[in-house]
Amino acid sequence: MSRNATSDARKKDTREKIELGGLIVKAGLRFEKRALLLGALIDLRERLKSDDSERARLTAIGAEAFGNEGE
């Protein structure tokens, strides 16, 4: 991989991590402990594997939150 491609990949990875961190802030969880956040995300991953209705429910909540960004 060329130096430029490596740099572009690192920039993309960094941008993605910043955006994911922004989701934590938007959800109002900025001051929660990292272990709690990681535990919650791991638990969610497992629940989503077996429950399509939970995925739909949480997607609707998130879509509404994104829709209310201007308020």
N, C-alpha and C. Protein backbone atom coordinates (compact mmCIF):
# COMPACT_ATOMS: atom_id res chain seq x y z
N MET A 1 0.86 -1.18 0.00
CA MET A 1 0.00 0.00 0.00
C MET A 1 0.89 1.23 0.00
N SER A 2 0.57 2.19 -0.85
CA SER A 2 1.38 3.39 -0.92
C SER A 2 1.17 4.26 0.31
N ARG A 3 2.12 5.16 0.48
CA ARG A 3 2.05 6.05 1.64
C ARG A 3 0.77 6.88 1.63
N ASN A 4 0.38 7.35 0.45
CA ASN A 4 -0.83 8.17 0.32
C ASN A 4 -2.09 7.36 0.63
N ALA A 5 -2.14 6.12 0.15
CA ALA A 5 -3.30 5.27 0.42
C ALA A 5 -3.39 4.96 1.92
N THR A 6 -2.24 4.73 2.55
CA THR A 6 -2.22 4.47 3.98
C THR A 6 -2.72 5.69 4.74
N SER A 7 -2.27 6.86 4.33
CA SER A 7 -2.71 8.10 4.97
C SER A 7 -4.21 8.31 4.81
N ASP A 8 -4.71 8.04 3.61
CA ASP A 8 -6.15 8.19 3.37
C ASP A 8 -6.96 7.21 4.22
N ALA A 9 -6.48 5.99 4.35
CA ALA A 9 -7.17 4.99 5.17
C ALA A 9 -7.19 5.41 6.64
N ARG A 10 -6.07 5.95 7.11
CA ARG A 10 -6.01 6.41 8.50
C ARG A 10 -6.95 7.58 8.73
N LYS A 11 -7.02 8.50 7.78
CA LYS A 11 -7.92 9.65 7.90
C LYS A 11 -9.38 9.18 7.93
N LYS A 12 -9.71 8.22 7.08
CA LYS A 12 -11.07 7.70 7.05
C LYS A 12 -11.42 7.02 8.38
N ASP A 13 -10.48 6.23 8.90
CA ASP A 13 -10.69 5.55 10.18
C ASP A 13 -10.87 6.56 11.31
N THR A 14 -10.04 7.59 11.32
CA THR A 14 -10.14 8.63 12.34
C THR A 14 -11.47 9.35 12.26
N ARG A 15 -11.92 9.66 11.06
CA ARG A 15 -13.19 10.36 10.87
C ARG A 15 -14.36 9.52 11.39
N GLU A 16 -14.31 8.23 11.08
CA GLU A 16 -15.36 7.32 11.53
C GLU A 16 -15.42 7.26 13.06
N LYS A 17 -14.26 7.21 13.70
CA LYS A 17 -14.22 7.16 15.17
C LYS A 17 -14.75 8.46 15.78
N ILE A 18 -14.43 9.57 15.17
CA ILE A 18 -14.95 10.86 15.65
C ILE A 18 -16.47 10.88 15.54
N GLU A 19 -17.00 10.42 14.41
CA GLU A 19 -18.45 10.39 14.23
C GLU A 19 -19.13 9.47 15.25
N LEU A 20 -18.52 8.33 15.51
CA LEU A 20 -19.09 7.40 16.51
C LEU A 20 -19.07 8.02 17.90
N GLY A 21 -18.01 8.73 18.22
CA GLY A 21 -17.95 9.43 19.50
C GLY A 21 -19.04 10.48 19.60
N GLY A 22 -19.33 11.13 18.48
CA GLY A 22 -20.40 12.12 18.45
C GLY A 22 -21.76 11.52 18.77
N LEU A 23 -21.94 10.26 18.39
CA LEU A 23 -23.20 9.58 18.72
C LEU A 23 -23.35 9.40 20.23
N ILE A 24 -22.25 9.11 20.89
CA ILE A 24 -22.28 8.95 22.35
C ILE A 24 -22.69 10.28 22.99
N VAL A 25 -22.13 11.37 22.50
CA VAL A 25 -22.46 12.69 23.02
C VAL A 25 -23.93 13.02 22.74
N LYS A 26 -24.37 12.77 21.50
CA LYS A 26 -25.76 13.07 21.12
C LYS A 26 -26.76 12.29 21.96
N ALA A 27 -26.38 11.08 22.35
CA ALA A 27 -27.26 10.25 23.17
C ALA A 27 -27.28 10.68 24.63
N GLY A 28 -26.44 11.66 24.99
CA GLY A 28 -26.41 12.14 26.36
C GLY A 28 -25.59 11.27 27.29
N LEU A 29 -24.64 10.53 26.72
CA LEU A 29 -23.85 9.58 27.52
C LEU A 29 -22.39 10.00 27.66
N ARG A 30 -22.09 11.25 27.41
CA ARG A 30 -20.71 11.73 27.43
C ARG A 30 -19.97 11.43 28.73
N PHE A 31 -20.65 11.48 29.84
CA PHE A 31 -19.96 11.36 31.12
C PHE A 31 -20.07 9.97 31.75
N GLU A 32 -20.61 9.03 31.01
CA GLU A 32 -20.66 7.65 31.51
C GLU A 32 -19.28 7.01 31.39
N LYS A 33 -19.04 6.04 32.24
CA LYS A 33 -17.76 5.34 32.20
C LYS A 33 -17.65 4.52 30.92
N ARG A 34 -16.44 4.45 30.40
CA ARG A 34 -16.21 3.70 29.16
C ARG A 34 -16.58 2.24 29.30
N ALA A 35 -16.33 1.66 30.46
CA ALA A 35 -16.67 0.24 30.65
C ALA A 35 -18.18 0.03 30.55
N LEU A 36 -18.95 0.96 31.06
CA LEU A 36 -20.41 0.87 30.97
C LEU A 36 -20.85 0.97 29.52
N LEU A 37 -20.30 1.93 28.79
CA LEU A 37 -20.67 2.11 27.39
C LEU A 37 -20.31 0.87 26.56
N LEU A 38 -19.13 0.34 26.77
CA LEU A 38 -18.71 -0.84 26.03
C LEU A 38 -19.61 -2.03 26.38
N GLY A 39 -19.91 -2.20 27.65
CA GLY A 39 -20.79 -3.27 28.06
C GLY A 39 -22.17 -3.15 27.43
N ALA A 40 -22.68 -1.95 27.39
CA ALA A 40 -24.00 -1.73 26.79
C ALA A 40 -23.97 -2.05 25.29
N LEU A 41 -22.91 -1.65 24.63
CA LEU A 41 -22.81 -1.92 23.19
C LEU A 41 -22.64 -3.41 22.90
N ILE A 42 -21.89 -4.09 23.71
CA ILE A 42 -21.73 -5.54 23.53
C ILE A 42 -23.06 -6.25 23.76
N ASP A 43 -23.77 -5.84 24.80
CA ASP A 43 -25.08 -6.42 25.08
C ASP A 43 -26.04 -6.16 23.91
N LEU A 44 -26.01 -4.95 23.40
CA LEU A 44 -26.87 -4.59 22.27
C LEU A 44 -26.54 -5.44 21.05
N ARG A 45 -25.28 -5.63 20.77
CA ARG A 45 -24.87 -6.46 19.64
C ARG A 45 -25.50 -7.85 19.74
N GLU A 46 -25.47 -8.42 20.93
CA GLU A 46 -26.03 -9.76 21.12
C GLU A 46 -27.55 -9.76 20.96
N ARG A 47 -28.21 -8.74 21.49
CA ARG A 47 -29.68 -8.66 21.37
C ARG A 47 -30.11 -8.47 19.93
N LEU A 48 -29.35 -7.68 19.17
CA LEU A 48 -29.71 -7.42 17.78
C LEU A 48 -29.55 -8.65 16.89
N LYS A 49 -28.66 -9.54 17.28
CA LYS A 49 -28.47 -10.77 16.50
C LYS A 49 -29.74 -11.61 16.46
N SER A 50 -30.53 -11.56 17.51
CA SER A 50 -31.66 -12.47 17.61
C SER A 50 -33.03 -11.78 17.65
N ASP A 51 -33.06 -10.47 17.49
CA ASP A 51 -34.34 -9.77 17.67
C ASP A 51 -34.49 -8.65 16.65
N ASP A 52 -35.11 -8.97 15.52
CA ASP A 52 -35.30 -7.97 14.47
C ASP A 52 -36.25 -6.85 14.90
N SER A 53 -37.20 -7.16 15.77
CA SER A 53 -38.12 -6.12 16.22
C SER A 53 -37.39 -5.09 17.08
N GLU A 54 -36.41 -5.53 17.85
CA GLU A 54 -35.61 -4.59 18.65
C GLU A 54 -34.78 -3.69 17.74
N ARG A 55 -34.24 -4.26 16.69
CA ARG A 55 -33.49 -3.47 15.71
C ARG A 55 -34.38 -2.39 15.11
N ALA A 56 -35.59 -2.76 14.72
CA ALA A 56 -36.53 -1.80 14.13
C ALA A 56 -36.92 -0.72 15.14
N ARG A 57 -37.18 -1.13 16.36
CA ARG A 57 -37.57 -0.17 17.41
C ARG A 57 -36.46 0.85 17.66
N LEU A 58 -35.23 0.38 17.79
CA LEU A 58 -34.11 1.28 18.06
C LEU A 58 -33.78 2.16 16.85
N THR A 59 -33.95 1.62 15.66
CA THR A 59 -33.73 2.42 14.45
C THR A 59 -34.72 3.57 14.39
N ALA A 60 -35.96 3.32 14.76
CA ALA A 60 -36.98 4.38 14.76
C ALA A 60 -36.63 5.47 15.78
N ILE A 61 -36.17 5.07 16.94
CA ILE A 61 -35.77 6.04 17.97
C ILE A 61 -34.61 6.89 17.46
N GLY A 62 -33.63 6.26 16.86
CA GLY A 62 -32.47 6.99 16.33
C GLY A 62 -32.84 7.92 15.20
N ALA A 63 -33.70 7.45 14.29
CA ALA A 63 -34.12 8.29 13.17
C ALA A 63 -34.85 9.52 13.67
N GLU A 64 -35.68 9.34 14.69
CA GLU A 64 -36.38 10.49 15.26
C GLU A 64 -35.39 11.48 15.88
N ALA A 65 -34.39 10.96 16.58
CA ALA A 65 -33.39 11.84 17.20
C ALA A 65 -32.61 12.62 16.14
N PHE A 66 -32.27 11.98 15.04
CA PHE A 66 -31.58 12.69 13.95
C PHE A 66 -32.50 13.70 13.30
N GLY A 67 -33.77 13.40 13.22
CA GLY A 67 -34.73 14.32 12.62
C GLY A 67 -34.96 15.55 13.45
N ASN A 68 -34.68 15.48 14.74
CA ASN A 68 -34.90 16.60 15.64
C ASN A 68 -33.63 17.40 15.90
N GLU A 69 -32.60 17.23 15.06
CA GLU A 69 -31.33 17.93 15.29
C GLU A 69 -31.48 19.44 15.25
N GLY A 70 -32.38 19.95 14.44
CA GLY A 70 -32.52 21.40 14.32
C GLY A 70 -33.28 22.05 15.44
N GLU A 71 -33.85 21.28 16.32
CA GLU A 71 -34.67 21.85 17.39
C GLU A 71 -33.85 22.18 18.61
